[in-house]
Amino acid sequence: MVKTGSQAAPRSGATRKSGKVIRDSFTMPVADHELIGALKKRCIGLGIAIKKSELLRAGLAALDRLPDENLAQVAAAVESVKTGRPPGKKKKKRKTKKRKKKKTNRGKGKKR
């Protein structure tokens, strides 16, 4: 039988192996992005230097320790946002320059 969140012992982030890393991107509201900055400043005030990715991973570890009922409440409170890049300035495609072939006079009788 598989144990679920409230039945299983909380997983400790310290027991997980780091191993491979994955680069990912996601979309979030401006307020949430600003909250990351505010939390980073709080950590600095506590004498903890932390990167954005480390802060997000700490948040995942905290969520992982929640019982199912609390996790459901927190997850339900998060606003759903449209995925993809936010609307804004459209970038123009860069035109690539075609290489011009150099004209050579090989075999045309030109003296060097």
PDB file of N, CA and C in Angstrom:
ATOM      1  N   MET A   1       0.836  -1.185   0.000  1.00  0.00           N
ATOM      2  CA  MET A   1       0.000   0.000   0.000  1.00  0.00           C
ATOM      3  C   MET A   1       0.879   1.246   0.000  1.00  0.00           C
ATOM      4  N   VAL A   2       0.544   2.216  -0.808  1.00  0.00           N
ATOM      5  CA  VAL A   2       1.322   3.436  -0.925  1.00  0.00           C
ATOM      6  C   VAL A   2       0.817   4.445   0.101  1.00  0.00           C
ATOM      7  N   LYS A   3       1.741   5.049   0.835  1.00  0.00           N
ATOM      8  CA  LYS A   3       1.375   6.068   1.817  1.00  0.00           C
ATOM      9  C   LYS A   3       1.248   7.407   1.119  1.00  0.00           C
ATOM     10  N   THR A   4       0.262   8.192   1.537  1.00  0.00           N
ATOM     11  CA  THR A   4       0.109   9.533   0.980  1.00  0.00           C
ATOM     12  C   THR A   4       0.648  10.544   1.967  1.00  0.00           C
ATOM     13  N   GLY A   5       0.724  11.804   1.567  1.00  0.00           N
ATOM     14  CA  GLY A   5       1.350  12.888   2.317  1.00  0.00           C
ATOM     15  C   GLY A   5       1.165  12.884   3.819  1.00  0.00           C
ATOM     16  N   SER A   6      -0.093  12.841   4.337  1.00  0.00           N
ATOM     17  CA  SER A   6      -0.285  12.943   5.772  1.00  0.00           C
ATOM     18  C   SER A   6       0.075  11.645   6.488  1.00  0.00           C
ATOM     19  N   GLN A   7       0.084  10.527   5.777  1.00  0.00           N
ATOM     20  CA  GLN A   7       0.421   9.254   6.393  1.00  0.00           C
ATOM     21  C   GLN A   7       1.927   9.004   6.353  1.00  0.00           C
ATOM     22  N   ALA A   8       2.572   9.488   5.321  1.00  0.00           N
ATOM     23  CA  ALA A   8       3.997   9.232   5.152  1.00  0.00           C
ATOM     24  C   ALA A   8       4.806  10.223   5.983  1.00  0.00           C
ATOM     25  N   ALA A   9       5.991   9.797   6.370  1.00  0.00           N
ATOM     26  CA  ALA A   9       6.884  10.702   7.090  1.00  0.00           C
ATOM     27  C   ALA A   9       7.350  11.774   6.124  1.00  0.00           C
ATOM     28  N   PRO A  10       7.481  13.025   6.608  1.00  0.00           N
ATOM     29  CA  PRO A  10       7.951  14.088   5.710  1.00  0.00           C
ATOM     30  C   PRO A  10       9.339  13.776   5.178  1.00  0.00           C
ATOM     31  N   ARG A  11       9.537  14.088   3.919  1.00  0.00           N
ATOM     32  CA  ARG A  11      10.837  13.862   3.302  1.00  0.00           C
ATOM     33  C   ARG A  11      11.730  15.043   3.605  1.00  0.00           C
ATOM     34  N   SER A  12      12.940  14.775   3.967  1.00  0.00           N
ATOM     35  CA  SER A  12      13.888  15.846   4.270  1.00  0.00           C
ATOM     36  C   SER A  12      14.668  16.194   3.013  1.00  0.00           C
ATOM     37  N   GLY A  13      14.799  17.488   2.744  1.00  0.00           N
ATOM     38  CA  GLY A  13      15.578  17.940   1.587  1.00  0.00           C
ATOM     39  C   GLY A  13      17.033  17.543   1.707  1.00  0.00           C
ATOM     40  N   ALA A  14      17.514  17.369   2.948  1.00  0.00           N
ATOM     41  CA  ALA A  14      18.910  17.010   3.152  1.00  0.00           C
ATOM     42  C   ALA A  14      19.190  15.570   2.734  1.00  0.00           C
ATOM     43  N   THR A  15      18.158  14.723   2.709  1.00  0.00           N
ATOM     44  CA  THR A  15      18.381  13.327   2.353  1.00  0.00           C
ATOM     45  C   THR A  15      18.336  13.102   0.848  1.00  0.00           C
ATOM     46  N   ARG A  16      17.842  14.067   0.093  1.00  0.00           N
ATOM     47  CA  ARG A  16      17.800  13.927  -1.362  1.00  0.00           C
ATOM     48  C   ARG A  16      19.172  14.175  -1.938  1.00  0.00           C
ATOM     49  N   LYS A  17      19.506  13.412  -2.962  1.00  0.00           N
ATOM     50  CA  LYS A  17      20.777  13.619  -3.645  1.00  0.00           C
ATOM     51  C   LYS A  17      20.594  14.689  -4.708  1.00  0.00           C
ATOM     52  N   SER A  18      21.589  15.540  -4.849  1.00  0.00           N
ATOM     53  CA  SER A  18      21.506  16.631  -5.822  1.00  0.00           C
ATOM     54  C   SER A  18      21.554  16.114  -7.249  1.00  0.00           C
ATOM     55  N   GLY A  19      22.578  15.358  -7.598  1.00  0.00           N
ATOM     56  CA  GLY A  19      22.666  14.763  -8.927  1.00  0.00           C
ATOM     57  C   GLY A  19      22.534  15.768 -10.046  1.00  0.00           C
ATOM     58  N   LYS A  20      21.807  15.369 -11.095  1.00  0.00           N
ATOM     59  CA  LYS A  20      21.611  16.212 -12.270  1.00  0.00           C
ATOM     60  C   LYS A  20      20.781  17.440 -11.926  1.00  0.00           C
ATOM     61  N   VAL A  21      21.010  18.498 -12.653  1.00  0.00           N
ATOM     62  CA  VAL A  21      20.175  19.682 -12.530  1.00  0.00           C
ATOM     63  C   VAL A  21      19.448  19.895 -13.851  1.00  0.00           C
ATOM     64  N   ILE A  22      18.297  20.495 -13.769  1.00  0.00           N
ATOM     65  CA  ILE A  22      17.474  20.738 -14.949  1.00  0.00           C
ATOM     66  C   ILE A  22      17.182  22.222 -15.034  1.00  0.00           C
ATOM     67  N   ARG A  23      17.342  22.790 -16.200  1.00  0.00           N
ATOM     68  CA  ARG A  23      16.997  24.189 -16.419  1.00  0.00           C
ATOM     69  C   ARG A  23      15.554  24.239 -16.874  1.00  0.00           C
ATOM     70  N   ASP A  24      14.792  25.122 -16.250  1.00  0.00           N
ATOM     71  CA  ASP A  24      13.373  25.221 -16.547  1.00  0.00           C
ATOM     72  C   ASP A  24      12.967  26.692 -16.504  1.00  0.00           C
ATOM     73  N   SER A  25      11.840  27.010 -17.081  1.00  0.00           N
ATOM     74  CA  SER A  25      11.313  28.369 -16.991  1.00  0.00           C
ATOM     75  C   SER A  25       9.817  28.279 -16.760  1.00  0.00           C
ATOM     76  N   PHE A  26       9.278  29.316 -16.166  1.00  0.00           N
ATOM     77  CA  PHE A  26       7.854  29.306 -15.862  1.00  0.00           C
ATOM     78  C   PHE A  26       7.347  30.738 -15.810  1.00  0.00           C
ATOM     79  N   THR A  27       6.044  30.867 -15.786  1.00  0.00           N
ATOM     80  CA  THR A  27       5.387  32.162 -15.766  1.00  0.00           C
ATOM     81  C   THR A  27       4.768  32.374 -14.401  1.00  0.00           C
ATOM     82  N   MET A  28       4.874  33.589 -13.868  1.00  0.00           N
ATOM     83  CA  MET A  28       4.262  33.888 -12.576  1.00  0.00           C
ATOM     84  C   MET A  28       3.803  35.341 -12.564  1.00  0.00           C
ATOM     85  N   PRO A  29       2.823  35.637 -11.705  1.00  0.00           N
ATOM     86  CA  PRO A  29       2.386  37.031 -11.586  1.00  0.00           C
ATOM     87  C   PRO A  29       3.502  37.911 -11.013  1.00  0.00           C
ATOM     88  N   VAL A  30       3.439  39.193 -11.310  1.00  0.00           N
ATOM     89  CA  VAL A  30       4.447  40.142 -10.838  1.00  0.00           C
ATOM     90  C   VAL A  30       4.534  40.119  -9.311  1.00  0.00           C
ATOM     91  N   ALA A  31       3.394  40.045  -8.632  1.00  0.00           N
ATOM     92  CA  ALA A  31       3.381  40.057  -7.164  1.00  0.00           C
ATOM     93  C   ALA A  31       4.172  38.886  -6.591  1.00  0.00           C
ATOM     94  N   ASP A  32       4.061  37.710  -7.214  1.00  0.00           N
ATOM     95  CA  ASP A  32       4.810  36.545  -6.745  1.00  0.00           C
ATOM     96  C   ASP A  32       6.300  36.725  -6.997  1.00  0.00           C
ATOM     97  N   HIS A  33       6.639  37.319  -8.128  1.00  0.00           N
ATOM     98  CA  HIS A  33       8.048  37.557  -8.442  1.00  0.00           C
ATOM     99  C   HIS A  33       8.638  38.556  -7.446  1.00  0.00           C
ATOM    100  N   GLU A  34       7.864  39.574  -7.090  1.00  0.00           N
ATOM    101  CA  GLU A  34       8.318  40.552  -6.101  1.00  0.00           C
ATOM    102  C   GLU A  34       8.451  39.907  -4.721  1.00  0.00           C
ATOM    103  N   LEU A  35       7.584  38.937  -4.427  1.00  0.00           N
ATOM    104  CA  LEU A  35       7.645  38.227  -3.158  1.00  0.00           C
ATOM    105  C   LEU A  35       8.952  37.450  -3.025  1.00  0.00           C
ATOM    106  N   ILE A  36       9.440  36.919  -4.126  1.00  0.00           N
ATOM    107  CA  ILE A  36      10.734  36.229  -4.106  1.00  0.00           C
ATOM    108  C   ILE A  36      11.823  37.198  -3.661  1.00  0.00           C
ATOM    109  N   GLY A  37      11.808  38.401  -4.211  1.00  0.00           N
ATOM    110  CA  GLY A  37      12.785  39.414  -3.824  1.00  0.00           C
ATOM    111  C   GLY A  37      12.671  39.786  -2.351  1.00  0.00           C
ATOM    112  N   ALA A  38      11.440  39.933  -1.873  1.00  0.00           N
ATOM    113  CA  ALA A  38      11.228  40.278  -0.464  1.00  0.00           C
ATOM    114  C   ALA A  38      11.719  39.160   0.459  1.00  0.00           C
ATOM    115  N   LEU A  39      11.467  37.912   0.070  1.00  0.00           N
ATOM    116  CA  LEU A  39      11.928  36.786   0.881  1.00  0.00           C
ATOM    117  C   LEU A  39      13.447  36.673   0.859  1.00  0.00           C
ATOM    118  N   LYS A  40      14.057  36.977  -0.275  1.00  0.00           N
ATOM    119  CA  LYS A  40      15.519  36.980  -0.350  1.00  0.00           C
ATOM    120  C   LYS A  40      16.091  38.025   0.598  1.00  0.00           C
ATOM    121  N   LYS A  41      15.464  39.215   0.650  1.00  0.00           N
ATOM    122  CA  LYS A  41      15.916  40.270   1.560  1.00  0.00           C
ATOM    123  C   LYS A  41      15.748  39.839   3.016  1.00  0.00           C
ATOM    124  N   ARG A  42      14.654  39.159   3.314  1.00  0.00           N
ATOM    125  CA  ARG A  42      14.454  38.655   4.688  1.00  0.00           C
ATOM    126  C   ARG A  42      15.560  37.683   5.070  1.00  0.00           C
ATOM    127  N   CYS A  43      15.906  36.803   4.130  1.00  0.00           N
ATOM    128  CA  CYS A  43      16.977  35.832   4.392  1.00  0.00           C
ATOM    129  C   CYS A  43      18.304  36.552   4.622  1.00  0.00           C
ATOM    130  N   ILE A  44      18.576  37.579   3.818  1.00  0.00           N
ATOM    131  CA  ILE A  44      19.808  38.349   3.991  1.00  0.00           C
ATOM    132  C   ILE A  44      19.820  38.991   5.374  1.00  0.00           C
ATOM    133  N   GLY A  45      18.663  39.509   5.810  1.00  0.00           N
ATOM    134  CA  GLY A  45      18.544  40.081   7.152  1.00  0.00           C
ATOM    135  C   GLY A  45      18.817  39.058   8.247  1.00  0.00           C
ATOM    136  N   LEU A  46      18.565  37.799   7.951  1.00  0.00           N
ATOM    137  CA  LEU A  46      18.831  36.711   8.900  1.00  0.00           C
ATOM    138  C   LEU A  46      20.248  36.176   8.770  1.00  0.00           C
ATOM    139  N   GLY A  47      21.012  36.775   7.853  1.00  0.00           N
ATOM    140  CA  GLY A  47      22.391  36.347   7.658  1.00  0.00           C
ATOM    141  C   GLY A  47      22.541  35.160   6.730  1.00  0.00           C
ATOM    142  N   ILE A  48      21.516  34.924   5.885  1.00  0.00           N
ATOM    143  CA  ILE A  48      21.541  33.795   4.956  1.00  0.00           C
ATOM    144  C   ILE A  48      21.552  34.341   3.532  1.00  0.00           C
ATOM    145  N   ALA A  49      22.639  34.097   2.822  1.00  0.00           N
ATOM    146  CA  ALA A  49      22.696  34.470   1.405  1.00  0.00           C
ATOM    147  C   ALA A  49      22.023  33.341   0.624  1.00  0.00           C
ATOM    148  N   ILE A  50      21.025  33.690  -0.170  1.00  0.00           N
ATOM    149  CA  ILE A  50      20.267  32.650  -0.879  1.00  0.00           C
ATOM    150  C   ILE A  50      19.961  33.112  -2.296  1.00  0.00           C
ATOM    151  N   LYS A  51      20.061  32.210  -3.231  1.00  0.00           N
ATOM    152  CA  LYS A  51      19.732  32.487  -4.626  1.00  0.00           C
ATOM    153  C   LYS A  51      18.248  32.219  -4.837  1.00  0.00           C
ATOM    154  N   LYS A  52      17.716  32.752  -5.930  1.00  0.00           N
ATOM    155  CA  LYS A  52      16.302  32.565  -6.230  1.00  0.00           C
ATOM    156  C   LYS A  52      15.951  31.082  -6.336  1.00  0.00           C
ATOM    157  N   SER A  53      16.768  30.319  -7.033  1.00  0.00           N
ATOM    158  CA  SER A  53      16.477  28.892  -7.200  1.00  0.00           C
ATOM    159  C   SER A  53      16.521  28.157  -5.859  1.00  0.00           C
ATOM    160  N   GLU A  54      17.445  28.568  -4.978  1.00  0.00           N
ATOM    161  CA  GLU A  54      17.527  27.936  -3.655  1.00  0.00           C
ATOM    162  C   GLU A  54      16.290  28.268  -2.827  1.00  0.00           C
ATOM    163  N   LEU A  55      15.817  29.504  -2.948  1.00  0.00           N
ATOM    164  CA  LEU A  55      14.619  29.917  -2.223  1.00  0.00           C
ATOM    165  C   LEU A  55      13.392  29.128  -2.698  1.00  0.00           C
ATOM    166  N   LEU A  56      13.281  28.950  -4.013  1.00  0.00           N
ATOM    167  CA  LEU A  56      12.163  28.183  -4.558  1.00  0.00           C
ATOM    168  C   LEU A  56      12.242  26.716  -4.111  1.00  0.00           C
ATOM    169  N   ARG A  57      13.446  26.161  -4.075  1.00  0.00           N
ATOM    170  CA  ARG A  57      13.609  24.783  -3.623  1.00  0.00           C
ATOM    171  C   ARG A  57      13.292  24.651  -2.136  1.00  0.00           C
ATOM    172  N   ALA A  58      13.616  25.687  -1.342  1.00  0.00           N
ATOM    173  CA  ALA A  58      13.259  25.679   0.085  1.00  0.00           C
ATOM    174  C   ALA A  58      11.738  25.681   0.240  1.00  0.00           C
ATOM    175  N   GLY A  59      11.067  26.455  -0.624  1.00  0.00           N
ATOM    176  CA  GLY A  59       9.601  26.479  -0.598  1.00  0.00           C
ATOM    177  C   GLY A  59       9.020  25.115  -0.953  1.00  0.00           C
ATOM    178  N   LEU A  60       9.620  24.440  -1.926  1.00  0.00           N
ATOM    179  CA  LEU A  60       9.156  23.094  -2.282  1.00  0.00           C
ATOM    180  C   LEU A  60       9.347  22.126  -1.119  1.00  0.00           C
ATOM    181  N   ALA A  61      10.482  22.253  -0.424  1.00  0.00           N
ATOM    182  CA  ALA A  61      10.739  21.380   0.726  1.00  0.00           C
ATOM    183  C   ALA A  61       9.708  21.631   1.824  1.00  0.00           C
ATOM    184  N   ALA A  62       9.351  22.906   2.038  1.00  0.00           N
ATOM    185  CA  ALA A  62       8.336  23.239   3.048  1.00  0.00           C
ATOM    186  C   ALA A  62       6.973  22.678   2.648  1.00  0.00           C
ATOM    187  N   LEU A  63       6.615  22.794   1.373  1.00  0.00           N
ATOM    188  CA  LEU A  63       5.341  22.233   0.903  1.00  0.00           C
ATOM    189  C   LEU A  63       5.328  20.721   1.027  1.00  0.00           C
ATOM    190  N   ASP A  64       6.456  20.101   0.789  1.00  0.00           N
ATOM    191  CA  ASP A  64       6.565  18.648   0.863  1.00  0.00           C
ATOM    192  C   ASP A  64       6.285  18.137   2.280  1.00  0.00           C
ATOM    193  N   ARG A  65       6.578  18.948   3.277  1.00  0.00           N
ATOM    194  CA  ARG A  65       6.379  18.548   4.674  1.00  0.00           C
ATOM    195  C   ARG A  65       4.943  18.738   5.151  1.00  0.00           C
ATOM    196  N   LEU A  66       4.116  19.446   4.373  1.00  0.00           N
ATOM    197  CA  LEU A  66       2.731  19.706   4.785  1.00  0.00           C
ATOM    198  C   LEU A  66       1.874  18.447   4.684  1.00  0.00           C
ATOM    199  N   PRO A  67       0.929  18.307   5.610  1.00  0.00           N
ATOM    200  CA  PRO A  67      -0.061  17.230   5.448  1.00  0.00           C
ATOM    201  C   PRO A  67      -0.944  17.527   4.227  1.00  0.00           C
ATOM    202  N   ASP A  68      -1.575  16.506   3.702  1.00  0.00           N
ATOM    203  CA  ASP A  68      -2.377  16.655   2.477  1.00  0.00           C
ATOM    204  C   ASP A  68      -3.421  17.762   2.578  1.00  0.00           C
ATOM    205  N   GLU A  69      -4.084  17.869   3.711  1.00  0.00           N
ATOM    206  CA  GLU A  69      -5.156  18.871   3.870  1.00  0.00           C
ATOM    207  C   GLU A  69      -4.592  20.285   3.717  1.00  0.00           C
ATOM    208  N   ASN A  70      -3.463  20.550   4.373  1.00  0.00           N
ATOM    209  CA  ASN A  70      -2.858  21.876   4.285  1.00  0.00           C
ATOM    210  C   ASN A  70      -2.302  22.151   2.893  1.00  0.00           C
ATOM    211  N   LEU A  71      -1.699  21.134   2.276  1.00  0.00           N
ATOM    212  CA  LEU A  71      -1.187  21.295   0.916  1.00  0.00           C
ATOM    213  C   LEU A  71      -2.324  21.629  -0.040  1.00  0.00           C
ATOM    214  N   ALA A  72      -3.464  20.969   0.120  1.00  0.00           N
ATOM    215  CA  ALA A  72      -4.625  21.236  -0.733  1.00  0.00           C
ATOM    216  C   ALA A  72      -5.099  22.671  -0.564  1.00  0.00           C
ATOM    217  N   GLN A  73      -5.094  23.181   0.669  1.00  0.00           N
ATOM    218  CA  GLN A  73      -5.521  24.561   0.916  1.00  0.00           C
ATOM    219  C   GLN A  73      -4.564  25.555   0.264  1.00  0.00           C
ATOM    220  N   VAL A  74      -3.278  25.322   0.433  1.00  0.00           N
ATOM    221  CA  VAL A  74      -2.273  26.228  -0.139  1.00  0.00           C
ATOM    222  C   VAL A  74      -2.339  26.192  -1.663  1.00  0.00           C
ATOM    223  N   ALA A  75      -2.436  24.998  -2.241  1.00  0.00           N
ATOM    224  CA  ALA A  75      -2.480  24.866  -3.698  1.00  0.00           C
ATOM    225  C   ALA A  75      -3.735  25.515  -4.273  1.00  0.00           C
ATOM    226  N   ALA A  76      -4.861  25.392  -3.566  1.00  0.00           N
ATOM    227  CA  ALA A  76      -6.111  25.981  -4.043  1.00  0.00           C
ATOM    228  C   ALA A  76      -6.063  27.506  -3.991  1.00  0.00           C
ATOM    229  N   ALA A  77      -5.269  28.065  -3.098  1.00  0.00           N
ATOM    230  CA  ALA A  77      -5.180  29.517  -2.942  1.00  0.00           C
ATOM    231  C   ALA A  77      -4.294  30.176  -4.004  1.00  0.00           C
ATOM    232  N   VAL A  78      -3.524  29.377  -4.740  1.00  0.00           N
ATOM    233  CA  VAL A  78      -2.627  29.929  -5.754  1.00  0.00           C
ATOM    234  C   VAL A  78      -3.413  30.251  -7.013  1.00  0.00           C
ATOM    235  N   GLU A  79      -3.216  31.471  -7.506  1.00  0.00           N
ATOM    236  CA  GLU A  79      -3.896  31.926  -8.715  1.00  0.00           C
ATOM    237  C   GLU A  79      -3.328  31.205  -9.938  1.00  0.00           C
ATOM    238  N   SER A  80      -4.200  30.733 -10.796  1.00  0.00           N
ATOM    239  CA  SER A  80      -3.764  30.094 -12.036  1.00  0.00           C
ATOM    240  C   SER A  80      -3.460  31.183 -13.061  1.00  0.00           C
ATOM    241  N   VAL A  81      -2.334  31.049 -13.742  1.00  0.00           N
ATOM    242  CA  VAL A  81      -1.971  32.032 -14.760  1.00  0.00           C
ATOM    243  C   VAL A  81      -1.785  31.337 -16.095  1.00  0.00           C
ATOM    244  N   LYS A  82      -1.971  32.110 -17.150  1.00  0.00           N
ATOM    245  CA  LYS A  82      -1.790  31.587 -18.492  1.00  0.00           C
ATOM    246  C   LYS A  82      -0.314  31.278 -18.706  1.00  0.00           C
ATOM    247  N   THR A  83      -0.035  30.121 -19.255  1.00  0.00           N
ATOM    248  CA  THR A  83       1.356  29.748 -19.481  1.00  0.00           C
ATOM    249  C   THR A  83       1.894  30.432 -20.730  1.00  0.00           C
ATOM    250  N   GLY A  84       3.184  30.450 -20.852  1.00  0.00           N
ATOM    251  CA  GLY A  84       3.825  31.055 -22.019  1.00  0.00           C
ATOM    252  C   GLY A  84       4.408  32.401 -21.678  1.00  0.00           C
ATOM    253  N   ARG A  85       4.922  33.046 -22.659  1.00  0.00           N
ATOM    254  CA  ARG A  85       5.540  34.350 -22.461  1.00  0.00           C
ATOM    255  C   ARG A  85       4.464  35.419 -22.338  1.00  0.00           C
ATOM    256  N   PRO A  86       4.688  36.392 -21.449  1.00  0.00           N
ATOM    257  CA  PRO A  86       3.697  37.462 -21.303  1.00  0.00           C
ATOM    258  C   PRO A  86       3.662  38.346 -22.539  1.00  0.00           C
ATOM    259  N   PRO A  87       2.511  38.955 -22.810  1.00  0.00           N
ATOM    260  CA  PRO A  87       2.438  39.832 -23.978  1.00  0.00           C
ATOM    261  C   PRO A  87       3.329  41.040 -23.767  1.00  0.00           C
ATOM    262  N   GLY A  88       3.857  41.527 -24.827  1.00  0.00           N
ATOM    263  CA  GLY A  88       4.731  42.691 -24.727  1.00  0.00           C
ATOM    264  C   GLY A  88       5.299  43.018 -26.073  1.00  0.00           C
ATOM    265  N   LYS A  89       6.452  43.620 -26.030  1.00  0.00           N
ATOM    266  CA  LYS A  89       7.118  44.014 -27.255  1.00  0.00           C
ATOM    267  C   LYS A  89       7.502  42.782 -28.057  1.00  0.00           C
ATOM    268  N   LYS A  90       7.109  42.780 -29.303  1.00  0.00           N
ATOM    269  CA  LYS A  90       7.503  41.667 -30.165  1.00  0.00           C
ATOM    270  C   LYS A  90       8.878  41.948 -30.718  1.00  0.00           C
ATOM    271  N   LYS A  91       9.721  40.955 -30.633  1.00  0.00           N
ATOM    272  CA  LYS A  91      11.066  41.109 -31.160  1.00  0.00           C
ATOM    273  C   LYS A  91      11.052  40.842 -32.656  1.00  0.00           C
ATOM    274  N   LYS A  92      11.789  41.661 -33.368  1.00  0.00           N
ATOM    275  CA  LYS A  92      11.917  41.444 -34.803  1.00  0.00           C
ATOM    276  C   LYS A  92      12.941  40.361 -35.030  1.00  0.00           C
ATOM    277  N   LYS A  93      12.660  39.535 -36.002  1.00  0.00           N
ATOM    278  CA  LYS A  93      13.619  38.494 -36.347  1.00  0.00           C
ATOM    279  C   LYS A  93      14.822  39.141 -36.997  1.00  0.00           C
ATOM    280  N   ARG A  94      15.994  38.707 -36.555  1.00  0.00           N
ATOM    281  CA  ARG A  94      17.215  39.223 -37.143  1.00  0.00           C
ATOM    282  C   ARG A  94      17.431  38.592 -38.507  1.00  0.00           C
ATOM    283  N   LYS A  95      17.730  39.438 -39.426  1.00  0.00           N
ATOM    284  CA  LYS A  95      18.036  38.922 -40.752  1.00  0.00           C
ATOM    285  C   LYS A  95      19.478  38.479 -40.756  1.00  0.00           C
ATOM    286  N   THR A  96      19.679  37.285 -41.247  1.00  0.00           N
ATOM    287  CA  THR A  96      21.056  36.802 -41.339  1.00  0.00           C
ATOM    288  C   THR A  96      21.614  37.229 -42.687  1.00  0.00           C
ATOM    289  N   LYS A  97      22.836  37.696 -42.632  1.00  0.00           N
ATOM    290  CA  LYS A  97      23.471  38.133 -43.879  1.00  0.00           C
ATOM    291  C   LYS A  97      23.954  36.913 -44.636  1.00  0.00           C
ATOM    292  N   LYS A  98      23.658  36.935 -45.908  1.00  0.00           N
ATOM    293  CA  LYS A  98      24.142  35.851 -46.749  1.00  0.00           C
ATOM    294  C   LYS A  98      25.584  36.136 -47.095  1.00  0.00           C
ATOM    295  N   ARG A  99      26.368  35.116 -46.975  1.00  0.00           N
ATOM    296  CA  ARG A  99      27.779  35.275 -47.334  1.00  0.00           C
ATOM    297  C   ARG A  99      27.905  35.367 -48.844  1.00  0.00           C
ATOM    298  N   LYS A 100      28.629  36.370 -49.247  1.00  0.00           N
ATOM    299  CA  LYS A 100      28.881  36.504 -50.676  1.00  0.00           C
ATOM    300  C   LYS A 100      30.128  35.719 -51.002  1.00  0.00           C
ATOM    301  N   LYS A 101      30.050  35.024 -52.094  1.00  0.00           N
ATOM    302  CA  LYS A 101      31.222  34.267 -52.524  1.00  0.00           C
ATOM    303  C   LYS A 101      32.243  35.225 -53.103  1.00  0.00           C
ATOM    304  N   LYS A 102      33.472  35.015 -52.665  1.00  0.00           N
ATOM    305  CA  LYS A 102      34.535  35.831 -53.228  1.00  0.00           C
ATOM    306  C   LYS A 102      34.813  35.371 -54.652  1.00  0.00           C
ATOM    307  N   LYS A 103      34.948  36.348 -55.497  1.00  0.00           N
ATOM    308  CA  LYS A 103      35.270  36.004 -56.872  1.00  0.00           C
ATOM    309  C   LYS A 103      36.755  35.729 -56.944  1.00  0.00           C
ATOM    310  N   THR A 104      37.067  34.626 -57.494  1.00  0.00           N
ATOM    311  CA  THR A 104      38.476  34.285 -57.668  1.00  0.00           C
ATOM    312  C   THR A 104      38.784  34.225 -59.149  1.00  0.00           C
ATOM    313  N   ASN A 105      39.986  34.536 -59.443  1.00  0.00           N
ATOM    314  CA  ASN A 105      40.407  34.528 -60.832  1.00  0.00           C
ATOM    315  C   ASN A 105      41.307  33.341 -61.112  1.00  0.00           C
ATOM    316  N   ARG A 106      41.016  32.253 -60.521  1.00  0.00           N
ATOM    317  CA  ARG A 106      41.841  31.064 -60.737  1.00  0.00           C
ATOM    318  C   ARG A 106      41.672  30.580 -62.174  1.00  0.00           C
ATOM    319  N   GLY A 107      42.774  30.348 -62.749  1.00  0.00           N
ATOM    320  CA  GLY A 107      42.754  29.808 -64.091  1.00  0.00           C
ATOM    321  C   GLY A 107      42.299  30.786 -65.152  1.00  0.00           C
ATOM    322  N   LYS A 108      42.198  32.063 -64.840  1.00  0.00           N
ATOM    323  CA  LYS A 108      41.714  33.037 -65.805  1.00  0.00           C
ATOM    324  C   LYS A 108      42.847  33.824 -66.435  1.00  0.00           C
ATOM    325  N   GLY A 109      44.063  33.416 -66.108  1.00  0.00           N
ATOM    326  CA  GLY A 109      45.200  34.068 -66.747  1.00  0.00           C
ATOM    327  C   GLY A 109      45.699  35.309 -66.033  1.00  0.00           C
ATOM    328  N   LYS A 110      45.196  35.620 -64.849  1.00  0.00           N
ATOM    329  CA  LYS A 110      45.652  36.781 -64.113  1.00  0.00           C
ATOM    330  C   LYS A 110      47.020  36.478 -63.509  1.00  0.00           C
ATOM    331  N   LYS A 111      47.937  37.430 -63.650  1.00  0.00           N
ATOM    332  CA  LYS A 111      49.292  37.247 -63.142  1.00  0.00           C
ATOM    333  C   LYS A 111      49.358  37.765 -61.717  1.00  0.00           C
ATOM    334  N   ARG A 112      50.214  37.114 -60.938  1.00  0.00           N
ATOM    335  CA  ARG A 112      50.391  37.563 -59.556  1.00  0.00           C
ATOM    336  C   ARG A 112      51.638  38.344 -59.384  1.00  0.00           C
TER     337      ARG A 112
END
